[in-house]
Amino acid sequence: MSPRGFHENEKKQIKEALIQAGRNHFGSNGLKKTNIKDLTKDAGIAQGSFYTFFESKELLYFRIMELDEEELKEKVAEAFLSEGDMHAEQFARILLYIFSLLDNYPLIRRLFLTDEYEQLVRKLPADVLAEHAHNDAMSLSPLLASLQEEGKLDPSLDHQVVSGVVRALFLTLAHKKEIGLEIFENCLVFMTEAVADRIFRNGKKSHD
């Protein structure tokens, strides 16, 4: 049933407008500094009407993040498929490609570089967080399992550990200055190649 005061087409258009407003404001100003008045003004609706579409600004932020993660996962999957026969060198190259993509997804990037994920966790329902954890965009488990079946990876590798290491690599983005701006890119390449080499070590076909 459509929300009171809005036809079905209006509902769709307004929801899309709120999502776009959220992308603009959250990406530029962050979660805390964005208020519902900012969002509804851009969407052209009354402030109170916001809750017809989203229960909170945190849930809007989260839904935008999920849309971005889904798009990111599709691009990453395409990159892996395009490489064909996968080895450490190709794997490292794709990890670096993922890094480069983050510039196009400011909300995902902010989750790594700020405390906004903690802000979301405090406000979002537990079932929403649990579903997101199950569909984590940074999880490499399906790919790792496939490569292990092909005999290319160390069969003892823990998928959760590998996914955690990849997240740790992304977190280095928050410490460019500490690492050194002039050497950060080279350090990132070094770490990525080291991770890829370890992942592919002991694979039966890693040196074929």
Protein backbone atom coordinates (compact mmCIF):
# COMPACT_ATOMS: atom_id res chain seq x y z
CA MET A 1 0.00 0.00 0.00
CA SER A 2 1.36 3.43 -0.94
CA PRO A 3 2.15 5.89 1.86
CA ARG A 4 -0.59 8.40 2.59
CA GLY A 5 -0.33 11.48 0.37
CA PHE A 6 1.91 9.85 -2.25
CA HIS A 7 1.07 7.89 -5.37
CA GLU A 8 3.17 4.87 -6.24
CA ASN A 9 5.23 6.73 -8.85
CA GLU A 10 5.74 9.64 -6.47
CA LYS A 11 6.88 7.25 -3.78
CA LYS A 12 9.51 5.76 -6.10
CA GLN A 13 10.74 9.16 -7.28
CA ILE A 14 10.96 10.56 -3.75
CA LYS A 15 12.84 7.52 -2.47
CA GLU A 16 15.34 7.87 -5.31
CA ALA A 17 15.65 11.58 -4.55
CA LEU A 18 16.37 10.84 -0.88
CA ILE A 19 19.00 8.30 -1.86
CA GLN A 20 20.69 10.84 -4.12
CA ALA A 21 20.48 13.50 -1.41
CA GLY A 22 22.01 11.01 1.01
CA ARG A 23 24.87 10.27 -1.37
CA ASN A 24 25.63 13.98 -1.65
CA HIS A 25 25.35 14.94 2.02
CA PHE A 26 26.74 11.80 3.65
CA GLY A 27 29.61 11.64 1.17
CA SER A 28 30.58 15.29 1.75
CA ASN A 29 29.61 15.93 5.36
CA GLY A 30 29.35 12.52 7.00
CA LEU A 31 26.59 10.93 9.03
CA LYS A 32 26.75 13.09 12.12
CA LYS A 33 26.74 16.45 10.32
CA THR A 34 23.89 15.52 7.98
CA ASN A 35 20.39 16.11 9.31
CA ILE A 36 17.01 15.05 8.00
CA LYS A 37 16.14 18.64 7.09
CA ASP A 38 19.07 18.67 4.63
CA LEU A 39 17.85 15.47 3.02
CA THR A 40 14.17 16.36 2.73
CA LYS A 41 14.95 19.83 1.40
CA ASP A 42 16.91 18.33 -1.48
CA ALA A 43 14.19 15.74 -2.10
CA GLY A 44 11.46 18.40 -2.09
CA ILE A 45 9.32 16.92 0.69
CA ALA A 46 8.29 17.98 4.18
CA GLN A 47 10.69 16.98 6.96
CA GLY A 48 8.12 14.75 8.64
CA SER A 49 7.54 12.82 5.43
CA PHE A 50 11.07 11.39 5.62
CA TYR A 51 9.89 8.66 7.98
CA THR A 52 7.42 7.41 5.40
CA PHE A 53 10.41 6.17 3.43
CA PHE A 54 13.14 5.46 5.99
CA GLU A 55 12.99 4.86 9.73
CA SER A 56 16.12 6.95 10.34
CA LYS A 57 18.95 8.74 8.57
CA GLU A 58 21.19 5.87 9.69
CA LEU A 59 19.03 3.38 7.79
CA LEU A 60 19.14 5.58 4.68
CA TYR A 61 22.94 5.71 4.96
CA PHE A 62 23.03 1.94 5.37
CA ARG A 63 20.79 1.30 2.36
CA ILE A 64 22.94 3.55 0.16
CA MET A 65 26.02 1.72 1.40
CA GLU A 66 24.42 -1.62 0.49
CA LEU A 67 23.66 -0.37 -3.03
CA ASP A 68 27.26 0.76 -3.41
CA GLU A 69 28.61 -2.51 -2.04
CA GLU A 70 26.51 -4.51 -4.47
CA GLU A 71 27.82 -2.45 -7.38
CA LEU A 72 31.37 -2.80 -6.09
CA LYS A 73 31.01 -6.58 -5.76
CA GLU A 74 29.82 -6.81 -9.36
CA LYS A 75 32.84 -4.84 -10.60
CA VAL A 76 35.22 -6.97 -8.56
CA ALA A 77 33.60 -10.18 -9.85
CA GLU A 78 33.99 -8.93 -13.43
CA ALA A 79 37.66 -8.16 -12.74
CA PHE A 80 38.32 -11.68 -11.44
CA LEU A 81 36.54 -13.24 -14.42
CA SER A 82 38.49 -11.11 -16.87
CA GLU A 83 41.82 -12.35 -15.49
CA GLY A 84 41.11 -15.95 -16.50
CA ASP A 85 43.69 -18.29 -14.96
CA MET A 86 44.30 -16.84 -11.49
CA HIS A 87 47.71 -16.68 -9.82
CA ALA A 88 49.32 -14.47 -7.18
CA GLU A 89 50.27 -11.69 -9.60
CA GLN A 90 46.74 -11.36 -10.96
CA PHE A 91 45.25 -11.54 -7.47
CA ALA A 92 47.47 -8.69 -6.24
CA ARG A 93 46.56 -6.61 -9.28
CA ILE A 94 42.85 -7.03 -8.55
CA LEU A 95 43.29 -6.06 -4.89
CA LEU A 96 44.95 -2.84 -6.05
CA TYR A 97 42.10 -2.32 -8.50
CA ILE A 98 39.62 -2.58 -5.61
CA PHE A 99 41.58 0.11 -3.78
CA SER A 100 41.29 2.39 -6.79
CA LEU A 101 37.53 1.84 -6.98
CA LEU A 102 36.98 3.14 -3.46
CA ASP A 103 37.40 6.72 -4.65
CA ASN A 104 34.06 6.28 -6.44
CA TYR A 105 32.29 5.14 -3.26
CA PRO A 106 32.70 7.83 -0.59
CA LEU A 107 30.35 6.17 1.91
CA ILE A 108 32.27 2.89 1.86
CA ARG A 109 35.52 4.82 2.04
CA ARG A 110 34.27 6.80 5.05
CA LEU A 111 33.51 3.55 6.88
CA PHE A 112 37.21 2.69 6.69
CA LEU A 113 38.52 6.17 7.45
CA THR A 114 36.12 7.44 10.15
CA ASP A 115 34.12 6.18 13.12
CA GLU A 116 30.86 6.17 11.15
CA TYR A 117 30.54 2.38 11.19
CA GLU A 118 30.42 2.50 14.99
CA GLN A 119 27.73 5.19 14.77
CA LEU A 120 25.68 2.95 12.49
CA VAL A 121 26.08 -0.11 14.69
CA ARG A 122 24.68 1.79 17.68
CA LYS A 123 21.58 2.88 15.76
CA LEU A 124 20.67 0.02 13.43
CA PRO A 125 18.51 -3.02 14.32
CA ALA A 126 20.42 -6.21 15.07
CA ASP A 127 18.72 -8.15 12.25
CA VAL A 128 19.81 -5.56 9.68
CA LEU A 129 23.42 -5.81 10.85
CA ALA A 130 23.31 -9.61 10.87
CA GLU A 131 22.06 -9.74 7.28
CA HIS A 132 24.77 -7.33 6.19
CA ALA A 133 27.48 -9.40 7.88
CA HIS A 134 26.26 -12.42 5.94
CA ASN A 135 26.56 -10.49 2.65
CA ASP A 136 29.80 -8.69 3.49
CA ALA A 137 31.23 -7.12 0.35
CA MET A 138 34.78 -7.64 1.61
CA SER A 139 34.35 -11.37 2.10
CA LEU A 140 36.43 -13.35 -0.37
CA SER A 141 35.17 -16.75 0.78
CA PRO A 142 33.40 -17.81 -2.46
CA LEU A 143 36.45 -16.96 -4.57
CA LEU A 144 38.90 -18.57 -2.14
CA ALA A 145 36.83 -21.75 -1.97
CA SER A 146 36.78 -21.98 -5.76
CA LEU A 147 40.55 -21.48 -6.03
CA GLN A 148 41.17 -24.07 -3.32
CA GLU A 149 39.05 -26.58 -5.22
CA GLU A 150 41.20 -25.91 -8.27
CA GLY A 151 44.29 -26.64 -6.17
CA LYS A 152 45.77 -23.18 -6.57
CA LEU A 153 45.69 -22.14 -2.91
CA ASP A 154 47.01 -23.47 0.36
CA PRO A 155 44.17 -25.83 1.41
CA SER A 156 44.64 -24.88 5.08
CA LEU A 157 43.86 -21.18 4.51
CA ASP A 158 41.15 -19.76 6.76
CA HIS A 159 38.80 -17.67 4.61
CA GLN A 160 37.87 -15.38 7.48
CA VAL A 161 41.51 -14.64 8.19
CA VAL A 162 42.18 -13.78 4.55
CA SER A 163 39.12 -11.50 4.39
CA GLY A 164 40.29 -9.88 7.64
CA VAL A 165 43.74 -9.27 6.17
CA VAL A 166 42.16 -7.61 3.12
CA ARG A 167 40.13 -5.34 5.41
CA ALA A 168 43.34 -4.51 7.28
CA LEU A 169 44.93 -3.46 3.99
CA PHE A 170 42.03 -1.10 3.35
CA LEU A 171 42.44 0.39 6.80
CA THR A 172 45.91 1.59 5.87
CA LEU A 173 44.14 4.30 3.87
CA ALA A 174 43.48 6.02 7.18
CA HIS A 175 47.21 6.18 7.92
CA LYS A 176 48.77 7.56 4.76
CA LYS A 177 50.47 10.40 6.61
CA GLU A 178 51.90 8.12 9.30
CA ILE A 179 53.20 5.68 6.69
CA GLY A 180 54.49 8.52 4.52
CA LEU A 181 52.59 10.15 1.67
CA GLU A 182 55.56 9.89 -0.67
CA ILE A 183 55.95 6.14 -0.18
CA PHE A 184 52.39 5.04 0.57
CA GLU A 185 51.55 3.76 -2.93
CA ASN A 186 54.74 1.69 -3.08
CA CYS A 187 54.06 0.34 0.41
CA LEU A 188 50.54 -0.62 -0.63
CA VAL A 189 51.83 -2.49 -3.67
CA PHE A 190 54.43 -4.27 -1.51
CA MET A 191 51.86 -5.35 1.10
CA THR A 192 49.34 -6.44 -1.52
CA GLU A 193 51.89 -8.56 -3.34
CA ALA A 194 53.03 -10.10 -0.06
CA VAL A 195 49.45 -11.01 0.85
CA ALA A 196 48.83 -12.51 -2.58
CA ASP A 197 52.05 -14.55 -2.42
CA ARG A 198 51.06 -15.96 0.96
CA ILE A 199 47.55 -16.82 -0.20
CA PHE A 200 48.88 -18.76 -3.19
CA ARG A 201 51.75 -20.40 -1.33
CA ASN A 202 51.54 -24.21 -1.12
CA GLY A 203 48.90 -24.42 -3.78
CA LYS A 204 49.52 -27.53 -5.86
CA LYS A 205 49.16 -25.57 -9.09
CA SER A 206 50.63 -22.28 -7.89
CA HIS A 207 53.81 -22.79 -9.87
CA ASP A 208 52.45 -24.60 -12.91
